[in-house]
C-alpha atoms as a PDB file:
ATOM      1  CA  MET A   1     -35.450 -39.718 -10.991  1.00  0.00           C
ATOM      2  CA  TYR A   2     -36.379 -43.294 -10.125  1.00  0.00           C
ATOM      3  CA  GLU A   3     -34.609 -45.395  -7.510  1.00  0.00           C
ATOM      4  CA  ASN A   4     -36.843 -48.434  -7.941  1.00  0.00           C
ATOM      5  CA  PRO A   5     -35.286 -50.730 -10.615  1.00  0.00           C
ATOM      6  CA  LYS A   6     -38.732 -51.425 -12.113  1.00  0.00           C
ATOM      7  CA  ASP A   7     -39.323 -47.700 -12.538  1.00  0.00           C
ATOM      8  CA  ALA A   8     -35.869 -47.249 -14.000  1.00  0.00           C
ATOM      9  CA  GLN A   9     -36.721 -49.743 -16.753  1.00  0.00           C
ATOM     10  CA  ASN A  10     -39.451 -47.368 -17.910  1.00  0.00           C
ATOM     11  CA  ILE A  11     -36.959 -44.579 -18.697  1.00  0.00           C
ATOM     12  CA  VAL A  12     -36.846 -44.379 -22.466  1.00  0.00           C
ATOM     13  CA  LYS A  13     -33.681 -43.300 -24.226  1.00  0.00           C
ATOM     14  CA  LEU A  14     -34.892 -40.095 -25.830  1.00  0.00           C
ATOM     15  CA  THR A  15     -32.121 -39.474 -28.339  1.00  0.00           C
ATOM     16  CA  ASP A  16     -29.414 -41.671 -29.815  1.00  0.00           C
ATOM     17  CA  PHE A  17     -25.863 -40.627 -29.065  1.00  0.00           C
ATOM     18  CA  HIS A  18     -23.979 -39.237 -32.029  1.00  0.00           C
ATOM     19  CA  THR A  19     -20.727 -37.352 -32.493  1.00  0.00           C
ATOM     20  CA  GLY A  20     -22.331 -34.082 -33.575  1.00  0.00           C
ATOM     21  CA  HIS A  21     -24.331 -33.236 -30.452  1.00  0.00           C
ATOM     22  CA  SER A  22     -23.436 -30.410 -28.076  1.00  0.00           C
ATOM     23  CA  PHE A  23     -23.183 -30.215 -24.310  1.00  0.00           C
ATOM     24  CA  ALA A  24     -26.567 -28.483 -23.952  1.00  0.00           C
ATOM     25  CA  ALA A  25     -27.831 -31.177 -21.561  1.00  0.00           C
ATOM     26  CA  VAL A  26     -25.296 -30.038 -18.950  1.00  0.00           C
ATOM     27  CA  ALA A  27     -26.688 -26.494 -19.006  1.00  0.00           C
ATOM     28  CA  GLN A  28     -30.262 -27.809 -18.853  1.00  0.00           C
ATOM     29  CA  VAL A  29     -29.608 -29.869 -15.720  1.00  0.00           C
ATOM     30  CA  GLU A  30     -27.866 -26.953 -14.011  1.00  0.00           C
ATOM     31  CA  ALA A  31     -30.737 -24.590 -14.853  1.00  0.00           C
ATOM     32  CA  TYR A  32     -33.245 -27.121 -13.481  1.00  0.00           C
ATOM     33  CA  TRP A  33     -31.282 -27.409 -10.222  1.00  0.00           C
ATOM     34  CA  GLU A  34     -31.079 -23.620  -9.876  1.00  0.00           C
ATOM     35  CA  GLY A  35     -34.826 -23.358 -10.438  1.00  0.00           C
ATOM     36  CA  LEU A  36     -35.495 -25.914  -7.694  1.00  0.00           C
ATOM     37  CA  ARG A  37     -33.426 -24.257  -5.016  1.00  0.00           C
ATOM     38  CA  GLN A  38     -34.734 -20.687  -5.560  1.00  0.00           C
ATOM     39  CA  ASP A  39     -33.845 -18.836  -2.324  1.00  0.00           C
ATOM     40  CA  ARG A  40     -32.609 -21.960  -0.499  1.00  0.00           C
ATOM     41  CA  LEU A  41     -29.007 -23.073  -0.204  1.00  0.00           C
ATOM     42  CA  LEU A  42     -29.775 -26.471  -1.792  1.00  0.00           C
ATOM     43  CA  PRO A  43     -32.774 -28.404  -3.072  1.00  0.00           C
ATOM     44  CA  LYS A  44     -33.619 -31.803  -1.626  1.00  0.00           C
ATOM     45  CA  ARG A  45     -33.193 -35.145  -3.332  1.00  0.00           C
ATOM     46  CA  SER A  46     -36.967 -35.619  -3.093  1.00  0.00           C
ATOM     47  CA  ASP A  47     -37.489 -32.417  -5.121  1.00  0.00           C
ATOM     48  CA  ILE A  48     -36.033 -34.010  -8.264  1.00  0.00           C
ATOM     49  CA  ASP A  49     -38.673 -34.836 -10.866  1.00  0.00           C
ATOM     50  CA  PRO A  50     -37.392 -36.542 -14.060  1.00  0.00           C
ATOM     51  CA  ARG A  51     -39.964 -34.646 -16.110  1.00  0.00           C
ATOM     52  CA  GLY A  52     -38.055 -31.457 -15.372  1.00  0.00           C
ATOM     53  CA  ILE A  53     -34.969 -32.697 -17.241  1.00  0.00           C
ATOM     54  CA  GLU A  54     -36.676 -34.963 -19.744  1.00  0.00           C
ATOM     55  CA  ALA A  55     -34.406 -34.089 -22.670  1.00  0.00           C
ATOM     56  CA  ALA A  56     -31.287 -34.733 -20.561  1.00  0.00           C
ATOM     57  CA  LEU A  57     -32.313 -37.929 -18.752  1.00  0.00           C
ATOM     58  CA  GLU A  58     -29.935 -40.252 -20.588  1.00  0.00           C
ATOM     59  CA  TYR A  59     -26.969 -38.169 -19.388  1.00  0.00           C
ATOM     60  CA  ALA A  60     -28.185 -37.527 -15.830  1.00  0.00           C
ATOM     61  CA  PHE A  61     -27.340 -39.366 -12.637  1.00  0.00           C
ATOM     62  CA  ILE A  62     -27.826 -39.247  -8.857  1.00  0.00           C
ATOM     63  CA  LEU A  63     -24.915 -39.868  -6.505  1.00  0.00           C
ATOM     64  CA  GLU A  64     -24.936 -40.878  -2.850  1.00  0.00           C
ATOM     65  CA  ARG A  65     -21.931 -40.154  -0.656  1.00  0.00           C
ATOM     66  CA  VAL A  66     -20.923 -43.397   1.089  1.00  0.00           C
ATOM     67  CA  ALA A  67     -17.504 -42.385   2.472  1.00  0.00           C
ATOM     68  CA  PRO A  68     -15.138 -39.399   2.319  1.00  0.00           C
ATOM     69  CA  GLY A  69     -14.390 -38.801  -1.356  1.00  0.00           C
ATOM     70  CA  VAL A  70     -16.514 -41.771  -2.441  1.00  0.00           C
ATOM     71  CA  ALA A  71     -19.957 -41.557  -4.063  1.00  0.00           C
ATOM     72  CA  ARG A  72     -21.901 -44.295  -5.810  1.00  0.00           C
ATOM     73  CA  MET A  73     -24.470 -43.934  -8.567  1.00  0.00           C
ATOM     74  CA  ARG A  74     -27.957 -44.608  -7.295  1.00  0.00           C
ATOM     75  CA  ILE A  75     -29.480 -43.772 -10.688  1.00  0.00           C
ATOM     76  CA  ALA A  76     -27.764 -43.350 -14.050  1.00  0.00           C
ATOM     77  CA  GLY A  77     -28.968 -42.542 -17.558  1.00  0.00           C
ATOM     78  CA  SER A  78     -28.462 -44.859 -20.494  1.00  0.00           C
ATOM     79  CA  HIS A  79     -25.536 -42.911 -21.929  1.00  0.00           C
ATOM     80  CA  LEU A  80     -23.436 -43.676 -18.873  1.00  0.00           C
ATOM     81  CA  SER A  81     -24.106 -47.395 -19.301  1.00  0.00           C
ATOM     82  CA  ASP A  82     -23.124 -47.062 -22.965  1.00  0.00           C
ATOM     83  CA  LEU A  83     -19.761 -45.609 -21.940  1.00  0.00           C
ATOM     84  CA  MET A  84     -19.007 -48.540 -19.640  1.00  0.00           C
ATOM     85  CA  GLY A  85     -20.651 -51.256 -21.709  1.00  0.00           C
ATOM     86  CA  MET A  86     -22.604 -52.422 -18.657  1.00  0.00           C
ATOM     87  CA  GLU A  87     -25.165 -51.360 -16.064  1.00  0.00           C
ATOM     88  CA  VAL A  88     -23.539 -48.724 -13.854  1.00  0.00           C
ATOM     89  CA  ARG A  89     -26.020 -48.330 -10.967  1.00  0.00           C
ATOM     90  CA  GLY A  90     -24.165 -48.971  -7.728  1.00  0.00           C
ATOM     91  CA  MET A  91     -20.742 -48.229  -9.221  1.00  0.00           C
ATOM     92  CA  PRO A  92     -18.530 -45.408  -7.918  1.00  0.00           C
ATOM     93  CA  ILE A  93     -18.512 -42.345 -10.143  1.00  0.00           C
ATOM     94  CA  THR A  94     -14.713 -42.661 -10.361  1.00  0.00           C
ATOM     95  CA  ALA A  95     -15.192 -45.743 -12.558  1.00  0.00           C
ATOM     96  CA  PHE A  96     -15.412 -43.338 -15.508  1.00  0.00           C
ATOM     97  CA  LEU A  97     -11.966 -41.894 -14.780  1.00  0.00           C
ATOM     98  CA  SER A  98      -8.434 -43.013 -15.469  1.00  0.00           C
ATOM     99  CA  THR A  99      -6.430 -44.251 -12.506  1.00  0.00           C
ATOM    100  CA  GLU A 100      -4.332 -41.062 -12.571  1.00  0.00           C
ATOM    101  CA  SER A 101      -7.411 -38.801 -12.271  1.00  0.00           C
ATOM    102  CA  ARG A 102      -9.284 -40.599  -9.506  1.00  0.00           C
ATOM    103  CA  ARG A 103      -7.513 -39.069  -6.515  1.00  0.00           C
ATOM    104  CA  ARG A 104      -7.964 -35.572  -7.873  1.00  0.00           C
ATOM    105  CA  PHE A 105     -11.651 -36.254  -8.490  1.00  0.00           C
ATOM    106  CA  SER A 106     -12.182 -37.692  -4.994  1.00  0.00           C
ATOM    107  CA  ASP A 107     -10.623 -34.641  -3.362  1.00  0.00           C
ATOM    108  CA  MET A 108     -12.844 -32.367  -5.445  1.00  0.00           C
ATOM    109  CA  LEU A 109     -15.937 -34.437  -4.633  1.00  0.00           C
ATOM    110  CA  GLU A 110     -15.375 -34.155  -0.901  1.00  0.00           C
ATOM    111  CA  GLU A 111     -14.959 -30.381  -1.226  1.00  0.00           C
ATOM    112  CA  LEU A 112     -18.252 -30.115  -3.114  1.00  0.00           C
ATOM    113  CA  PHE A 113     -20.130 -31.975  -0.385  1.00  0.00           C
ATOM    114  CA  ALA A 114     -18.439 -30.108   2.469  1.00  0.00           C
ATOM    115  CA  THR A 115     -18.587 -26.518   1.185  1.00  0.00           C
ATOM    116  CA  PRO A 116     -21.160 -27.117  -0.503  1.00  0.00           C
ATOM    117  CA  ALA A 117     -20.230 -26.098  -4.049  1.00  0.00           C
ATOM    118  CA  VAL A 118     -20.927 -26.809  -7.713  1.00  0.00           C
ATOM    119  CA  GLY A 119     -18.256 -28.669  -9.680  1.00  0.00           C
ATOM    120  CA  SER A 120     -17.710 -28.497 -13.455  1.00  0.00           C
ATOM    121  CA  LEU A 121     -15.221 -30.737 -15.235  1.00  0.00           C
ATOM    122  CA  ALA A 122     -13.711 -30.864 -18.712  1.00  0.00           C
ATOM    123  CA  LEU A 123     -12.577 -34.385 -19.597  1.00  0.00           C
ATOM    124  CA  ARG A 124     -10.932 -36.258 -22.460  1.00  0.00           C
ATOM    125  CA  ASN A 125     -10.744 -39.991 -22.933  1.00  0.00           C
ATOM    126  CA  GLU A 126      -7.450 -41.855 -22.786  1.00  0.00           C
ATOM    127  CA  THR A 127      -7.178 -42.121 -26.576  1.00  0.00           C
ATOM    128  CA  GLY A 128      -7.888 -38.404 -26.999  1.00  0.00           C
ATOM    129  CA  GLU A 129     -10.709 -39.068 -29.454  1.00  0.00           C
ATOM    130  CA  ALA A 130     -13.622 -38.131 -27.199  1.00  0.00           C
ATOM    131  CA  GLU A 131     -14.229 -35.228 -24.856  1.00  0.00           C
ATOM    132  CA  GLY A 132     -16.711 -34.819 -22.066  1.00  0.00           C
ATOM    133  CA  ARG A 133     -18.342 -32.306 -19.765  1.00  0.00           C
ATOM    134  CA  MET A 134     -19.629 -33.148 -16.311  1.00  0.00           C
ATOM    135  CA  ILE A 135     -21.448 -31.054 -13.747  1.00  0.00           C
ATOM    136  CA  LEU A 136     -22.024 -32.005 -10.103  1.00  0.00           C
ATOM    137  CA  LEU A 137     -24.791 -30.278  -8.125  1.00  0.00           C
ATOM    138  CA  PRO A 138     -25.163 -31.016  -4.384  1.00  0.00           C
ATOM    139  CA  LEU A 139     -28.500 -32.015  -2.866  1.00  0.00           C
ATOM    140  CA  LYS A 140     -29.775 -32.479   0.650  1.00  0.00           C
ATOM    141  CA  SER A 141     -31.104 -35.843   1.687  1.00  0.00           C
ATOM    142  CA  ASP A 142     -34.502 -36.060   3.362  1.00  0.00           C
ATOM    143  CA  MET A 143     -32.588 -36.078   6.662  1.00  0.00           C
ATOM    144  CA  GLY A 144     -31.133 -32.662   5.833  1.00  0.00           C
ATOM    145  CA  ASP A 145     -27.482 -33.642   5.339  1.00  0.00           C
ATOM    146  CA  VAL A 146     -25.609 -32.859   2.107  1.00  0.00           C
ATOM    147  CA  SER A 147     -25.029 -36.429   0.920  1.00  0.00           C
ATOM    148  CA  ARG A 148     -26.662 -36.575  -2.520  1.00  0.00           C
ATOM    149  CA  MET A 149     -25.696 -35.037  -5.819  1.00  0.00           C
ATOM    150  CA  LEU A 150     -27.438 -34.447  -9.121  1.00  0.00           C
ATOM    151  CA  GLY A 151     -25.066 -34.758 -12.052  1.00  0.00           C
ATOM    152  CA  CYS A 152     -24.873 -34.745 -15.821  1.00  0.00           C
ATOM    153  CA  PHE A 153     -22.141 -36.306 -17.974  1.00  0.00           C
ATOM    154  CA  VAL A 154     -22.144 -35.678 -21.731  1.00  0.00           C
ATOM    155  CA  THR A 155     -19.481 -36.816 -24.180  1.00  0.00           C
ATOM    156  CA  LYS A 156     -18.870 -36.403 -27.874  1.00  0.00           C
ATOM    157  CA  GLY A 157     -16.388 -38.048 -30.176  1.00  0.00           C
ATOM    158  CA  ASP A 158     -15.312 -41.644 -30.685  1.00  0.00           C
ATOM    159  CA  ILE A 159     -16.370 -43.818 -27.753  1.00  0.00           C
ATOM    160  CA  ALA A 160     -16.085 -47.127 -29.619  1.00  0.00           C
ATOM    161  CA  ALA A 161     -13.973 -48.696 -26.875  1.00  0.00           C
ATOM    162  CA  ASP A 162     -15.706 -49.672 -23.650  1.00  0.00           C
ATOM    163  CA  PRO A 163     -15.206 -49.159 -20.862  1.00  0.00           C
ATOM    164  CA  CYS A 164     -14.402 -45.573 -21.876  1.00  0.00           C
ATOM    165  CA  ARG A 165     -12.370 -43.823 -19.198  1.00  0.00           C
ATOM    166  CA  PHE A 166     -11.441 -40.163 -19.039  1.00  0.00           C
ATOM    167  CA  ASP A 167      -8.641 -37.928 -17.819  1.00  0.00           C
ATOM    168  CA  ILE A 168      -9.470 -34.637 -16.094  1.00  0.00           C
ATOM    169  CA  GLU A 169      -8.370 -31.627 -18.126  1.00  0.00           C
ATOM    170  CA  ASN A 170      -9.920 -28.910 -15.972  1.00  0.00           C
ATOM    171  CA  ILE A 171     -11.951 -28.515 -12.773  1.00  0.00           C
ATOM    172  CA  GLN A 172     -13.947 -25.470 -11.746  1.00  0.00           C
ATOM    173  CA  ILE A 173     -15.456 -25.192  -8.273  1.00  0.00           C
ATOM    174  CA  ARG A 174     -18.091 -22.567  -7.552  1.00  0.00           C
ATOM    175  CA  PRO A 175     -19.274 -22.037  -3.951  1.00  0.00           C
ATOM    176  CA  ILE A 176     -23.029 -21.757  -3.666  1.00  0.00           C
ATOM    177  CA  ALA A 177     -24.525 -18.466  -2.581  1.00  0.00           C
ATOM    178  CA  VAL A 178     -28.034 -18.181  -1.189  1.00  0.00           C
ATOM    179  CA  ASN A 179     -30.300 -16.200  -3.505  1.00  0.00           C
ATOM    180  CA  GLN A 180     -31.758 -13.409  -1.392  1.00  0.00           C
ATOM    181  CA  PRO A 181     -35.401 -12.673  -2.255  1.00  0.00           C
ATOM    182  CA  ALA A 182     -36.181  -9.119  -3.174  1.00  0.00           C
ATOM    183  CA  VAL A 183     -37.527  -7.217  -0.174  1.00  0.00           C
ATOM    184  CA  ASP A 184     -39.396  -3.935  -0.419  1.00  0.00           C
ATOM    185  CA  PRO A 185     -37.938  -1.294   1.876  1.00  0.00           C
ATOM    186  CA  ALA A 186     -39.844  -0.930   5.130  1.00  0.00           C
ATOM    187  CA  PRO A 187     -42.196   2.062   5.064  1.00  0.00           C
ATOM    188  CA  GLN A 188     -40.967   4.924   7.157  1.00  0.00           C
ATOM    189  CA  ALA A 189     -43.128   6.101  10.007  1.00  0.00           C
ATOM    190  CA  PRO A 190     -44.745   9.458   9.243  1.00  0.00           C
ATOM    191  CA  VAL A 191     -43.093  12.361  10.948  1.00  0.00           C
ATOM    192  CA  ALA A 192     -45.368  13.662  13.682  1.00  0.00           C
ATOM    193  CA  GLU A 193     -46.475  17.213  13.033  1.00  0.00           C
ATOM    194  CA  THR A 194     -45.429  19.528  15.806  1.00  0.00           C
ATOM    195  CA  ARG A 195     -48.252  21.820  16.704  1.00  0.00           C
ATOM    196  CA  ARG A 196     -47.376  25.136  18.256  1.00  0.00           C
ATOM    197  CA  PRO A 197     -49.786  26.467  20.860  1.00  0.00           C
ATOM    198  CA  ALA A 198     -52.051  29.177  19.542  1.00  0.00           C
ATOM    199  CA  PRO A 199     -50.755  32.629  20.498  1.00  0.00           C
ATOM    200  CA  ARG A 200     -52.538  34.194  23.437  1.00  0.00           C
ATOM    201  CA  PRO A 201     -54.113  37.639  22.934  1.00  0.00           C
ATOM    202  CA  ALA A 202     -51.698  40.398  23.749  1.00  0.00           C
ATOM    203  CA  THR A 203     -52.511  42.438  26.817  1.00  0.00           C
ATOM    204  CA  THR A 204     -51.146  45.963  27.296  1.00  0.00           C
ATOM    205  CA  THR A 205     -50.014  46.463  30.851  1.00  0.00           C
ATOM    206  CA  GLY A 206     -48.133  48.991  32.805  1.00  0.00           C
ATOM    207  CA  ALA A 207     -45.040  48.520  34.782  1.00  0.00           C
ATOM    208  CA  THR A 208     -47.019  47.091  37.665  1.00  0.00           C
ATOM    209  CA  GLY A 209     -48.783  44.636  35.500  1.00  0.00           C
ATOM    210  CA  VAL A 210     -52.099  46.486  35.797  1.00  0.00           C
ATOM    211  CA  PRO A 211     -53.872  47.276  32.552  1.00  0.00           C
ATOM    212  CA  TYR A 212     -53.714  50.870  31.390  1.00  0.00           C
ATOM    213  CA  LEU A 213     -57.346  51.010  30.332  1.00  0.00           C
ATOM    214  CA  ARG A 214     -60.016  50.874  33.029  1.00  0.00           C
ATOM    215  CA  LEU A 215     -63.752  51.462  32.902  1.00  0.00           C
ATOM    216  CA  VAL A 216     -64.546  54.633  34.851  1.00  0.00           C
ATOM    217  CA  LYS A 217     -68.115  55.353  35.821  1.00  0.00           C
ATOM    218  CA  SER A 218     -69.340  58.906  35.276  1.00  0.00           C
ATOM    219  CA  ASP A 219     -71.347  60.713  38.043  1.00  0.00           C
ATOM    220  CA  SER A 220     -73.640  62.318  35.512  1.00  0.00           C
END
């Protein structure tokens, strides 16, 4: 994703929004994020490459946490600007929500940064004629703190009115677990073979310990 405004101008809107599309872009962005983190807790902001989510770019965005419960859009796809009828870079993500839903969203956002966790939202606009799906995926900054977030916001239905604001219908929060790499079991040390001492030749002795058989020389 590009943070330089000149680079952002080069992002081409890949598909026109229409009422019949699905929410597949949300799943694509989540799968990309999962692929980046592998066995880490979180990927870094610098790991994000727009070519990895090319088909979902117009719905994608990057957030930066600027205060508790407050995050502003550093980068936003063209669909988000279409919803607001204006450029949205620098705006708080809560600008897309109704006044009644903003406190609930802010509390959720802070939990996602602090845990960290993945957030999924089902939304519907104030007229009830459009629905949306949003996913929020935490990222580490280059300094190592959890203060960035990769997101995707897809809507379908009538969004003729702008700005188009949404009510939260459902929130799901999923704590992030570290993927443990598969580890082959450590080879066991071979069991040392216990060697018994070779048996000593048996010797027939008398009660005194003197052998019974003696060599006797003959006089003849």
